[in-house]
Amino acid sequence: MSIRQGLEKKRNNSHIPTKTANYQQLVDDLPSLIFYYFVNDIYAIAGSFFTIFSISDMLFSVTSAI
């Protein structure tokens, strides 16, 4: 299973893990799920960084205007 197929499965909610899911299916889904959460974490970190940067830039411009 490729990463794209894993993301499509997650987006469509066609694969809902249950207690009866076999081991091979979980192993097939694991890399795509790890990649999915890793990409989301990267975007969250980048968003918080740019928010902090813009706030500090705003404070710097206010203090330099005084």
N, C-alpha and C. Protein backbone atom coordinates (compact mmCIF):
# COMPACT_ATOMS: atom_id res chain seq x y z
N MET A 1 0.85 -1.19 0.00
CA MET A 1 0.00 0.00 0.00
C MET A 1 0.89 1.24 0.00
N SER A 2 0.61 2.15 -0.88
CA SER A 2 1.40 3.37 -0.95
C SER A 2 0.86 4.40 0.05
N ILE A 3 1.62 5.45 0.21
CA ILE A 3 1.21 6.52 1.14
C ILE A 3 -0.07 7.17 0.65
N ARG A 4 -0.17 7.37 -0.67
CA ARG A 4 -1.38 8.01 -1.22
C ARG A 4 -2.62 7.17 -0.94
N GLN A 5 -2.50 5.85 -1.10
CA GLN A 5 -3.64 4.98 -0.81
C GLN A 5 -4.01 5.05 0.66
N GLY A 6 -3.01 5.12 1.52
CA GLY A 6 -3.29 5.22 2.95
C GLY A 6 -4.01 6.50 3.29
N LEU A 7 -3.58 7.60 2.67
CA LEU A 7 -4.24 8.87 2.94
C LEU A 7 -5.66 8.87 2.39
N GLU A 8 -5.86 8.25 1.22
CA GLU A 8 -7.21 8.15 0.67
C GLU A 8 -8.10 7.33 1.59
N LYS A 9 -7.57 6.25 2.11
CA LYS A 9 -8.36 5.44 3.04
C LYS A 9 -8.76 6.26 4.25
N LYS A 10 -7.79 7.02 4.79
CA LYS A 10 -8.08 7.80 5.99
C LYS A 10 -9.08 8.90 5.68
N ARG A 11 -8.95 9.53 4.52
CA ARG A 11 -9.84 10.62 4.17
C ARG A 11 -11.26 10.13 3.94
N ASN A 12 -11.39 8.96 3.35
CA ASN A 12 -12.72 8.44 3.05
C ASN A 12 -13.36 7.74 4.24
N ASN A 13 -12.60 7.54 5.31
CA ASN A 13 -13.09 6.80 6.48
C ASN A 13 -13.60 5.42 6.09
N SER A 14 -13.04 4.86 4.99
CA SER A 14 -13.48 3.53 4.59
C SER A 14 -12.83 2.46 5.44
N HIS A 15 -11.73 2.81 6.10
CA HIS A 15 -11.05 1.83 6.94
C HIS A 15 -11.17 2.27 8.39
N ILE A 16 -12.03 1.62 9.13
CA ILE A 16 -12.18 1.91 10.55
C ILE A 16 -11.61 0.71 11.31
N PRO A 17 -10.48 0.89 12.00
CA PRO A 17 -9.88 -0.27 12.66
C PRO A 17 -10.77 -0.81 13.76
N THR A 18 -10.92 -2.11 13.78
CA THR A 18 -11.70 -2.77 14.81
C THR A 18 -10.82 -3.81 15.49
N LYS A 19 -11.37 -4.46 16.48
CA LYS A 19 -10.60 -5.49 17.18
C LYS A 19 -10.35 -6.71 16.31
N THR A 20 -11.14 -6.86 15.25
CA THR A 20 -10.98 -8.03 14.39
C THR A 20 -10.02 -7.76 13.24
N ALA A 21 -9.45 -6.55 13.15
CA ALA A 21 -8.51 -6.27 12.07
C ALA A 21 -7.28 -7.15 12.23
N ASN A 22 -6.85 -7.74 11.13
CA ASN A 22 -5.72 -8.65 11.24
C ASN A 22 -4.40 -7.88 11.27
N TYR A 23 -3.35 -8.60 11.63
CA TYR A 23 -2.05 -7.98 11.85
C TYR A 23 -1.48 -7.39 10.57
N GLN A 24 -1.64 -8.08 9.45
CA GLN A 24 -1.06 -7.61 8.19
C GLN A 24 -1.68 -6.29 7.75
N GLN A 25 -2.97 -6.14 7.99
CA GLN A 25 -3.64 -4.89 7.61
C GLN A 25 -3.09 -3.72 8.44
N LEU A 26 -2.87 -3.96 9.71
CA LEU A 26 -2.32 -2.90 10.56
C LEU A 26 -0.90 -2.56 10.14
N VAL A 27 -0.12 -3.58 9.80
CA VAL A 27 1.25 -3.33 9.35
C VAL A 27 1.25 -2.55 8.04
N ASP A 28 0.31 -2.84 7.16
CA ASP A 28 0.23 -2.11 5.89
C ASP A 28 -0.16 -0.66 6.12
N ASP A 29 -1.01 -0.40 7.08
CA ASP A 29 -1.48 0.96 7.31
C ASP A 29 -0.51 1.80 8.13
N LEU A 30 0.39 1.16 8.84
CA LEU A 30 1.23 1.88 9.80
C LEU A 30 2.08 2.98 9.15
N PRO A 31 2.82 2.73 8.06
CA PRO A 31 3.65 3.81 7.50
C PRO A 31 2.83 5.00 7.03
N SER A 32 1.68 4.75 6.40
CA SER A 32 0.88 5.87 5.92
C SER A 32 0.30 6.67 7.08
N LEU A 33 -0.09 5.99 8.15
CA LEU A 33 -0.62 6.72 9.30
C LEU A 33 0.47 7.54 9.98
N ILE A 34 1.68 6.96 10.10
CA ILE A 34 2.79 7.71 10.69
C ILE A 34 3.09 8.94 9.84
N PHE A 35 3.12 8.75 8.51
CA PHE A 35 3.38 9.87 7.61
C PHE A 35 2.29 10.93 7.74
N TYR A 36 1.03 10.51 7.84
CA TYR A 36 -0.10 11.43 7.95
C TYR A 36 0.03 12.30 9.20
N TYR A 37 0.29 11.66 10.36
CA TYR A 37 0.40 12.42 11.59
C TYR A 37 1.66 13.28 11.59
N PHE A 38 2.75 12.79 10.99
CA PHE A 38 3.99 13.57 10.94
C PHE A 38 3.79 14.85 10.14
N VAL A 39 3.10 14.75 9.00
CA VAL A 39 2.86 15.94 8.17
C VAL A 39 1.97 16.92 8.92
N ASN A 40 0.95 16.43 9.62
CA ASN A 40 0.08 17.33 10.38
C ASN A 40 0.86 18.03 11.49
N ASP A 41 1.77 17.30 12.15
CA ASP A 41 2.57 17.93 13.21
C ASP A 41 3.49 18.99 12.63
N ILE A 42 4.06 18.74 11.46
CA ILE A 42 4.94 19.73 10.84
C ILE A 42 4.17 21.01 10.54
N TYR A 43 2.96 20.88 10.00
CA TYR A 43 2.16 22.07 9.72
C TYR A 43 1.79 22.80 11.00
N ALA A 44 1.49 22.07 12.07
CA ALA A 44 1.14 22.71 13.33
C ALA A 44 2.34 23.47 13.90
N ILE A 45 3.53 22.86 13.82
CA ILE A 45 4.73 23.52 14.33
C ILE A 45 5.03 24.77 13.51
N ALA A 46 4.92 24.65 12.18
CA ALA A 46 5.20 25.80 11.32
C ALA A 46 4.19 26.92 11.57
N GLY A 47 2.92 26.57 11.75
CA GLY A 47 1.91 27.59 12.01
C GLY A 47 2.14 28.32 13.31
N SER A 48 2.50 27.58 14.37
CA SER A 48 2.76 28.24 15.65
C SER A 48 4.01 29.10 15.56
N PHE A 49 5.02 28.65 14.80
CA PHE A 49 6.24 29.45 14.65
C PHE A 49 5.93 30.77 13.96
N PHE A 50 5.15 30.72 12.88
CA PHE A 50 4.85 31.96 12.16
C PHE A 50 3.95 32.87 12.98
N THR A 51 3.08 32.30 13.80
CA THR A 51 2.26 33.12 14.68
C THR A 51 3.13 33.86 15.69
N ILE A 52 4.05 33.13 16.32
CA ILE A 52 4.96 33.76 17.29
C ILE A 52 5.82 34.81 16.60
N PHE A 53 6.30 34.50 15.39
CA PHE A 53 7.15 35.44 14.66
C PHE A 53 6.38 36.71 14.32
N SER A 54 5.13 36.59 13.90
CA SER A 54 4.37 37.78 13.53
C SER A 54 4.04 38.62 14.75
N ILE A 55 3.77 37.97 15.90
CA ILE A 55 3.50 38.72 17.12
C ILE A 55 4.75 39.48 17.56
N SER A 56 5.91 38.81 17.52
CA SER A 56 7.14 39.48 17.93
C SER A 56 7.49 40.60 16.95
N ASP A 57 7.22 40.40 15.67
CA ASP A 57 7.48 41.44 14.68
C ASP A 57 6.57 42.64 14.92
N MET A 58 5.33 42.39 15.28
CA MET A 58 4.39 43.47 15.57
C MET A 58 4.85 44.26 16.80
N LEU A 59 5.28 43.54 17.84
CA LEU A 59 5.76 44.23 19.04
C LEU A 59 7.00 45.05 18.74
N PHE A 60 7.88 44.52 17.90
CA PHE A 60 9.10 45.26 17.55
C PHE A 60 8.75 46.54 16.79
N SER A 61 7.79 46.47 15.89
CA SER A 61 7.43 47.66 15.12
C SER A 61 6.76 48.70 16.02
N VAL A 62 5.98 48.23 17.00
CA VAL A 62 5.33 49.17 17.93
C VAL A 62 6.38 49.86 18.79
N THR A 63 7.34 49.09 19.30
CA THR A 63 8.35 49.70 20.17
C THR A 63 9.30 50.59 19.38
N SER A 64 9.56 50.28 18.12
CA SER A 64 10.45 51.14 17.33
C SER A 64 9.73 52.42 16.93
N ALA A 65 8.40 52.39 16.84
CA ALA A 65 7.67 53.61 16.51
C ALA A 65 7.69 54.59 17.67
N ILE A 66 7.79 54.06 18.89
CA ILE A 66 7.87 54.95 20.06
C ILE A 66 9.28 55.51 20.12
